[in-house]
Amino acid sequence: MQLPRNGSTKRGHGDSALGAVRRLYWMWHLDRESRAPLLQKLSLWRRGFTVLSGRLYGFPQVDSQDYLPDFHATHLIKPINSSLAFYQHKLAQRALLLAAGIPQTPTVAALWGGRIVLHPFSGREEPVEWDRLVRWLLDDGGRFIVKPENGGRGADTYLLENQGGELISSRGERRRPFRLADLAGRLTLIERWMQQAEAWSRLFPHTLNTIRALTLWPRNEPEPFLARAIQRIGTSANIPCDNFAGGGIAVEVDLATGRLGRGRRKSAGAPVVSHHPDTGAAIEGVMLPHWREIVGTVLRAARSMPMNCYVGWDVFVDASGQVIIGEASGSTDVDIYQVHRGLLADPRVRAFFEDAGIV
C-alpha cells in the first residue's frame, strides 16, 4: 500500500521565482548586520545558508551538500508533521504521552488568566487561589521549573525555589520574587525540578542536562528510527536551561554505544569543548549509562502516535534510573545536530528528506 506523502514539498518555496525572492529576502534579513563580504553572503544565500551557519558548520572546509539548508529547515520542515498542535502545546503532549505510558516530568500546577489548578494529570486536580499555590510550593520545599505551555528554546523558563520563606525565580544571574502578575494572560506550567542521575550531574550539576534525540519515520516504513542524538549540557550563563541557543554545550552521542564526543558551543568560531568550561568536568569519552533504555524509550514514544514523522525528543534519566521524556518538538532546530556534521551525510536521513520533498 502506498501511503500519501507527509507534509508539503519545496515546490512553491524554493523552485519558483517568487520562492527564490522570498528566500533571498529572508537570508538578507537574518544577515543584514553581518559584516561578511557581499560575495560570501550571496554564495551562502544561494545555497540556503546564513553567514552564521556557514561559520558554525565550517564552510568551505566541509561540503555544504551534506547539510540541510537553514531556509529549508525553517520553512519546509514543519508541514512534515500533520498535527503541529501536539508539538506546540506541552499539555497536549503530556496527555497523549501519559496515555501511552511514557514517563513524564511531574506537572504540579497549571496557571492561566489568574486561574490555577494544582496537580493536573494526577487524578486529584484542585482549583486553588494564588495564596494556596504559594503556600503549597513553600511547604513542599522542592525546586521547580516555570515555563510557558507553548514556548520553545528555553524562552521565559526559569527556576523557582524557596529562599528564606519567599519564592524566588532565577535564570542565570537574574533573580526576582515570584509574582502572579508576571504570568497574566499566558498559560504557564510549573514542573518539579528533577534530580538527574549521577552521570549527568557530573557533567554539570546546576541544570537538567537532557538529550535531544531526533527520530524520523519514513513514508511506507513500519517503524521510526533514531537519526541523531545530542547531549545538551548547561552552563553558568543559562541556569536552569541547557539549550544550545542560549549558551549550552551540544555533544554528539554515538548511537551504537552512548559514548560522548567533543562538545560545541554556539558562539564565535563554534569552539570545541572537551571539558566543561565552568567545572572542568570531562565530557569527551564519557559513556552514558542506561543507553539501551534511553533509545528504547525514545523509539517507543516516537511510534506511539502516527504523526511523529520528524520529532526532536528531550529525554533524561532521573536519580532512580528511570528514563523520562521531557517534551517533544516537531520543528526542532537543526544546527544543534549539524554543528558536528551534516544531517544529509547519512544516506537514510537524506532519503527521508528527499522523499518528503525538502531536498
Protein backbone atom coordinates (compact mmCIF):
# COMPACT_ATOMS: atom_id res chain seq x y z
CA MET A 1 0.00 0.00 0.00
CA GLN A 2 1.37 3.41 -1.00
CA LEU A 3 0.92 5.95 1.78
CA PRO A 4 0.26 9.63 0.98
CA ARG A 5 3.21 11.98 1.16
CA ASN A 6 3.55 13.67 4.54
CA GLY A 7 3.50 17.45 4.57
CA SER A 8 4.34 19.72 1.67
CA THR A 9 7.25 19.80 -0.71
CA LYS A 10 9.62 22.62 -1.55
CA ARG A 11 7.69 23.45 -4.72
CA GLY A 12 6.36 26.98 -4.39
CA HIS A 13 9.09 27.80 -1.86
CA GLY A 14 12.47 27.12 -3.36
CA ASP A 15 11.82 26.31 -7.06
CA SER A 16 9.67 29.23 -8.23
CA ALA A 17 10.86 32.79 -8.90
CA LEU A 18 8.68 34.02 -6.04
CA GLY A 19 10.18 31.39 -3.78
CA ALA A 20 13.70 32.46 -4.75
CA VAL A 21 12.89 36.10 -3.93
CA ARG A 22 11.35 35.07 -0.62
CA ARG A 23 14.40 33.05 0.29
CA LEU A 24 16.78 35.87 -0.66
CA TYR A 25 14.83 38.39 1.45
CA TRP A 26 14.76 36.02 4.45
CA MET A 27 18.51 35.48 4.20
CA TRP A 28 19.19 39.19 3.85
CA HIS A 29 17.02 39.96 6.89
CA LEU A 30 18.90 37.48 9.08
CA ASP A 31 22.33 38.58 7.86
CA ARG A 32 21.66 42.30 7.50
CA GLU A 33 24.05 43.18 10.35
CA SER A 34 26.77 40.77 9.25
CA ARG A 35 29.99 42.37 8.03
CA ALA A 36 30.86 39.43 5.82
CA PRO A 37 31.78 40.31 2.21
CA LEU A 38 28.78 40.52 -0.10
CA LEU A 39 30.08 37.81 -2.42
CA GLN A 40 30.41 35.45 0.57
CA LYS A 41 26.85 36.25 1.64
CA LEU A 42 25.47 35.68 -1.85
CA SER A 43 27.31 32.35 -2.13
CA LEU A 44 25.78 31.16 1.13
CA TRP A 45 22.32 32.58 0.45
CA ARG A 46 22.19 30.85 -2.93
CA ARG A 47 22.59 27.52 -1.13
CA GLY A 48 20.08 28.42 1.61
CA PHE A 49 22.51 29.13 4.46
CA THR A 50 23.07 32.18 6.63
CA VAL A 51 26.51 33.58 7.38
CA LEU A 52 26.20 32.37 10.99
CA SER A 53 25.52 28.80 9.87
CA GLY A 54 28.36 28.92 7.37
CA ARG A 55 30.74 29.77 10.18
CA LEU A 56 29.15 27.34 12.64
CA TYR A 57 29.39 24.40 10.24
CA GLY A 58 32.85 25.30 8.97
CA PHE A 59 32.19 26.07 5.30
CA PRO A 60 34.03 25.80 2.94
CA GLN A 61 36.24 23.27 4.77
CA VAL A 62 33.28 20.84 4.72
CA ASP A 63 30.88 20.03 1.90
CA SER A 64 27.70 22.13 2.23
CA GLN A 65 25.77 19.48 0.27
CA ASP A 66 25.88 17.30 3.39
CA TYR A 67 23.95 19.93 5.36
CA LEU A 68 20.25 20.71 5.47
CA PRO A 69 19.95 24.40 4.50
CA ASP A 70 18.61 26.93 7.02
CA PHE A 71 15.79 28.06 4.76
CA HIS A 72 14.55 24.52 4.20
CA ALA A 73 14.81 23.68 7.91
CA THR A 74 12.87 26.80 8.92
CA HIS A 75 10.17 26.97 6.25
CA LEU A 76 9.72 23.49 4.82
CA ILE A 77 10.08 21.01 7.68
CA LYS A 78 7.11 21.99 9.86
CA PRO A 79 4.44 20.61 7.48
CA ILE A 80 6.05 17.15 7.62
CA ASN A 81 4.17 16.55 10.88
CA SER A 82 0.46 16.76 10.16
CA SER A 83 -0.63 17.66 13.73
CA LEU A 84 1.58 20.55 14.81
CA ALA A 85 -0.57 21.36 17.85
CA PHE A 86 0.76 18.23 19.53
CA TYR A 87 4.28 19.66 19.47
CA GLN A 88 3.38 23.29 20.10
CA HIS A 89 1.43 22.65 23.30
CA LYS A 90 3.03 20.84 26.21
CA LEU A 91 -0.30 19.96 27.85
CA ALA A 92 -1.44 18.08 24.74
CA GLN A 93 1.90 16.28 24.59
CA ARG A 94 1.75 15.35 28.24
CA ALA A 95 -1.77 13.97 28.00
CA LEU A 96 -1.03 11.81 24.96
CA LEU A 97 2.33 10.54 26.19
CA LEU A 98 0.97 9.72 29.63
CA ALA A 99 -1.87 7.81 27.99
CA ALA A 100 0.75 5.85 26.07
CA GLY A 101 2.56 5.00 29.31
CA ILE A 102 5.60 7.19 28.59
CA PRO A 103 7.09 8.56 31.87
CA GLN A 104 6.85 12.36 32.14
CA THR A 105 8.16 15.15 34.32
CA PRO A 106 5.56 15.79 37.09
CA THR A 107 3.45 18.91 36.46
CA VAL A 108 2.49 20.38 39.84
CA ALA A 109 0.38 23.32 38.61
CA ALA A 110 -1.11 24.94 35.51
CA LEU A 111 -1.92 28.68 35.53
CA TRP A 112 -3.92 30.79 33.11
CA GLY A 113 -5.56 34.20 33.49
CA GLY A 114 -5.41 34.10 37.27
CA ARG A 115 -6.94 30.61 37.40
CA ILE A 116 -4.78 27.91 38.96
CA VAL A 117 -5.10 24.13 39.05
CA LEU A 118 -2.85 22.12 41.34
CA HIS A 119 -1.80 18.56 40.47
CA PRO A 120 -3.05 18.29 36.85
CA PHE A 121 -2.89 14.77 35.36
CA SER A 122 -2.85 13.28 38.86
CA GLY A 123 -6.49 12.33 39.37
CA ARG A 124 -6.63 14.75 42.32
CA GLU A 125 -6.80 18.06 40.45
CA GLU A 126 -7.59 21.04 42.70
CA PRO A 127 -8.52 24.59 41.62
CA VAL A 128 -6.82 26.97 44.09
CA GLU A 129 -6.20 30.64 44.75
CA TRP A 130 -2.78 32.27 44.44
CA ASP A 131 -2.09 32.22 48.19
CA ARG A 132 -2.79 28.50 48.32
CA LEU A 133 -0.40 27.82 45.45
CA VAL A 134 2.37 29.84 47.08
CA ARG A 135 1.86 28.11 50.42
CA TRP A 136 1.91 24.68 48.78
CA LEU A 137 5.14 25.43 46.92
CA LEU A 138 6.80 26.80 50.07
CA ASP A 139 5.64 23.88 52.22
CA ASP A 140 6.77 21.34 49.64
CA GLY A 141 10.30 22.70 49.93
CA GLY A 142 11.33 21.46 46.49
CA ARG A 143 12.66 23.27 43.45
CA PHE A 144 10.50 23.85 40.39
CA ILE A 145 10.72 24.91 36.76
CA VAL A 146 8.28 27.53 35.46
CA LYS A 147 7.76 27.53 31.68
CA PRO A 148 5.19 28.74 29.12
CA GLU A 149 2.93 25.96 27.91
CA ASN A 150 3.65 26.71 24.26
CA GLY A 151 7.21 28.05 24.44
CA GLY A 152 10.44 26.77 22.97
CA ARG A 153 14.22 27.20 23.11
CA GLY A 154 14.02 27.76 26.85
CA ALA A 155 12.33 31.16 26.41
CA ASP A 156 10.71 32.55 29.58
CA THR A 157 11.80 29.45 31.51
CA TYR A 158 13.24 29.85 35.00
CA LEU A 159 13.98 28.12 38.27
CA LEU A 160 11.67 28.62 41.25
CA GLU A 161 12.75 27.91 44.83
CA ASN A 162 12.18 28.82 48.47
CA GLN A 163 14.73 31.36 49.69
CA GLY A 164 14.16 32.48 53.27
CA GLY A 165 10.43 31.84 53.15
CA GLU A 166 9.90 33.62 49.81
CA LEU A 167 9.54 32.14 46.35
CA ILE A 168 12.33 33.46 44.13
CA SER A 169 12.58 32.88 40.39
CA SER A 170 16.01 32.86 38.77
CA ARG A 171 17.69 32.42 35.42
CA GLY A 172 21.43 32.75 35.14
CA GLU A 173 22.32 35.61 37.46
CA ARG A 174 18.87 37.23 37.31
CA ARG A 175 16.70 36.84 40.41
CA ARG A 176 13.30 38.26 41.30
CA PRO A 177 10.30 37.46 43.52
CA PHE A 178 7.69 35.15 42.01
CA ARG A 179 4.61 37.22 41.13
CA LEU A 180 1.25 36.26 39.61
CA ALA A 181 1.26 39.44 37.52
CA ASP A 182 4.25 38.10 35.58
CA LEU A 183 2.11 35.21 34.32
CA ALA A 184 -1.12 37.06 33.49
CA GLY A 185 -2.75 36.06 30.21
CA ARG A 186 -0.38 33.21 29.42
CA LEU A 187 -0.86 29.53 30.06
CA THR A 188 2.04 28.55 32.29
CA LEU A 189 3.21 25.25 33.75
CA ILE A 190 5.07 24.62 36.98
CA GLU A 191 7.00 21.38 36.89
CA ARG A 192 9.01 19.68 39.59
CA TRP A 193 12.76 20.08 39.28
CA MET A 194 14.02 16.55 38.67
CA GLN A 195 17.14 15.13 40.26
CA GLN A 196 19.10 13.66 37.37
CA ALA A 197 21.22 10.54 37.50
CA GLU A 198 24.76 10.97 38.78
CA ALA A 199 26.46 10.63 35.40
CA TRP A 200 24.57 13.67 34.07
CA SER A 201 25.01 15.63 37.28
CA ARG A 202 28.78 15.19 36.92
CA LEU A 203 28.58 16.86 33.50
CA PHE A 204 27.08 19.97 35.17
CA PRO A 205 25.03 19.80 38.37
CA HIS A 206 23.10 23.08 38.10
CA THR A 207 20.95 22.27 35.05
CA LEU A 208 18.91 19.27 33.96
CA ASN A 209 21.10 18.02 31.10
CA THR A 210 18.80 16.49 28.51
CA ILE A 211 19.43 14.50 25.35
CA ARG A 212 17.82 15.87 22.19
CA ALA A 213 17.08 12.74 20.18
CA LEU A 214 15.91 13.10 16.57
CA THR A 215 13.58 10.42 15.23
CA LEU A 216 12.40 10.12 11.64
CA TRP A 217 9.53 7.95 10.41
CA PRO A 218 9.86 7.46 6.65
CA ARG A 219 6.83 7.03 4.50
CA ASN A 220 5.94 3.37 3.87
CA GLU A 221 8.26 2.12 6.62
CA PRO A 222 6.71 0.33 9.62
CA GLU A 223 8.92 1.88 12.30
CA PRO A 224 10.63 5.21 13.05
CA PHE A 225 14.39 5.26 13.53
CA LEU A 226 16.81 7.26 15.66
CA ALA A 227 18.72 9.55 13.32
CA ARG A 228 20.89 11.60 15.69
CA ALA A 229 21.28 12.19 19.43
CA ILE A 230 22.83 15.23 21.07
CA GLN A 231 23.65 15.52 24.77
CA ARG A 232 22.90 19.06 25.89
CA ILE A 233 24.85 20.42 28.86
CA GLY A 234 24.03 23.66 30.64
CA THR A 235 26.48 26.34 31.70
CA SER A 236 26.50 29.01 34.40
CA ALA A 237 25.35 31.58 31.85
CA ASN A 238 21.97 29.94 31.34
CA ILE A 239 20.89 28.15 34.54
CA PRO A 240 18.40 26.40 34.70
CA CYS A 241 18.33 25.72 30.94
CA ASP A 242 20.64 23.53 28.88
CA ASN A 243 19.57 24.71 25.42
CA PHE A 244 22.23 25.20 22.74
CA ALA A 245 20.86 28.52 21.51
CA GLY A 246 21.07 30.03 24.99
CA GLY A 247 24.70 29.18 25.72
CA GLY A 248 24.64 25.44 26.40
CA ILE A 249 27.00 22.80 25.03
CA ALA A 250 25.97 20.34 22.31
CA VAL A 251 27.72 16.96 22.32
CA GLU A 252 27.07 14.26 19.73
CA VAL A 253 26.29 10.83 21.18
CA ASP A 254 27.44 7.69 19.41
CA LEU A 255 24.17 5.89 18.65
CA ALA A 256 25.62 2.42 18.99
CA THR A 257 27.39 2.87 22.33
CA GLY A 258 26.19 6.05 24.09
CA ARG A 259 29.72 7.47 24.11
CA LEU A 260 30.08 11.27 24.11
CA GLY A 261 32.26 13.03 21.57
CA ARG A 262 33.53 16.58 21.82
CA GLY A 263 31.11 19.40 22.57
CA ARG A 264 30.49 22.57 20.60
CA ARG A 265 29.09 25.93 21.65
CA LYS A 266 27.05 28.37 19.55
CA SER A 267 29.41 31.29 19.80
CA ALA A 268 32.09 32.90 17.68
CA GLY A 269 34.06 30.16 15.99
CA ALA A 270 31.87 27.40 17.48
CA PRO A 271 34.65 26.39 19.89
CA VAL A 272 35.28 22.72 20.54
CA VAL A 273 34.77 21.66 24.18
CA SER A 274 36.32 18.52 25.68
CA HIS A 275 35.84 19.62 29.33
CA HIS A 276 33.14 21.76 30.92
CA PRO A 277 34.17 25.44 30.89
CA ASP A 278 32.77 26.09 34.39
CA THR A 279 33.65 22.93 36.31
CA GLY A 280 36.42 21.28 34.29
CA ALA A 281 34.45 18.03 34.22
CA ALA A 282 35.37 15.66 31.40
CA ILE A 283 32.91 15.47 28.51
CA GLU A 284 34.63 13.73 25.62
CA GLY A 285 34.74 9.97 26.05
CA VAL A 286 32.11 9.76 28.79
CA MET A 287 29.90 6.68 28.41
CA LEU A 288 26.26 7.43 29.14
CA PRO A 289 24.64 4.75 31.32
CA HIS A 290 21.18 3.33 30.53
CA TRP A 291 21.79 3.98 26.82
CA ARG A 292 19.80 0.98 25.61
CA GLU A 293 16.84 2.04 27.79
CA ILE A 294 17.11 5.63 26.52
CA VAL A 295 16.96 4.54 22.88
CA GLY A 296 14.10 2.15 23.59
CA THR A 297 12.03 4.82 25.37
CA VAL A 298 12.58 7.36 22.61
CA LEU A 299 11.54 4.92 19.89
CA ARG A 300 8.52 3.81 21.94
CA ALA A 301 7.45 7.47 22.22
CA ALA A 302 8.07 8.01 18.50
CA ARG A 303 5.91 5.07 17.46
CA SER A 304 3.13 5.94 19.93
CA MET A 305 1.47 8.39 17.51
CA PRO A 306 1.32 8.05 13.70
CA MET A 307 2.01 11.76 13.06
CA ASN A 308 5.50 11.53 14.61
CA CYS A 309 7.32 11.85 11.30
CA TYR A 310 10.07 14.32 12.33
CA VAL A 311 10.48 14.84 16.08
CA GLY A 312 13.14 16.04 18.47
CA TRP A 313 12.65 14.40 21.89
CA ASP A 314 14.06 15.85 25.12
CA VAL A 315 14.93 12.88 27.31
CA PHE A 316 16.78 12.45 30.59
CA VAL A 317 17.42 9.85 33.29
CA ASP A 318 16.33 10.62 36.85
CA ALA A 319 18.14 9.70 40.06
CA SER A 320 16.30 6.37 40.25
CA GLY A 321 17.45 5.37 36.76
CA GLN A 322 14.07 5.91 35.07
CA VAL A 323 14.15 7.32 31.54
CA ILE A 324 11.78 10.29 31.20
CA ILE A 325 10.59 12.24 28.15
CA GLY A 326 10.54 15.95 28.96
CA GLU A 327 8.87 17.18 25.78
CA ALA A 328 8.84 16.85 22.01
CA SER A 329 9.47 19.34 19.21
CA GLY A 330 8.06 18.99 15.72
CA SER A 331 10.22 21.82 14.35
CA THR A 332 13.47 21.26 16.20
CA ASP A 333 16.40 23.47 15.20
CA VAL A 334 18.85 21.58 13.04
CA ASP A 335 22.00 23.50 13.99
CA ILE A 336 22.31 21.51 17.23
CA TYR A 337 22.65 18.34 15.10
CA GLN A 338 24.67 19.80 12.26
CA VAL A 339 27.24 21.66 14.34
CA HIS A 340 29.10 18.35 14.41
CA ARG A 341 28.33 17.02 10.90
CA GLY A 342 25.66 17.44 8.27
CA LEU A 343 22.42 15.53 8.60
CA LEU A 344 22.37 14.75 4.88
CA ALA A 345 25.69 12.89 5.10
CA ASP A 346 23.65 9.96 6.44
CA PRO A 347 22.06 8.23 3.40
CA ARG A 348 18.99 7.15 5.35
CA VAL A 349 18.39 10.70 6.61
CA ARG A 350 18.93 12.16 3.15
CA ALA A 351 16.43 9.68 1.70
CA PHE A 352 13.85 10.77 4.26
CA PHE A 353 14.16 14.44 3.35
CA GLU A 354 14.23 13.70 -0.36
CA ASP A 355 11.03 11.67 -0.11
CA ALA A 356 9.39 14.49 1.86
CA GLY A 357 10.37 16.96 -0.86
CA ILE A 358 12.62 19.00 1.43
CA VAL A 359 15.81 18.49 -0.58
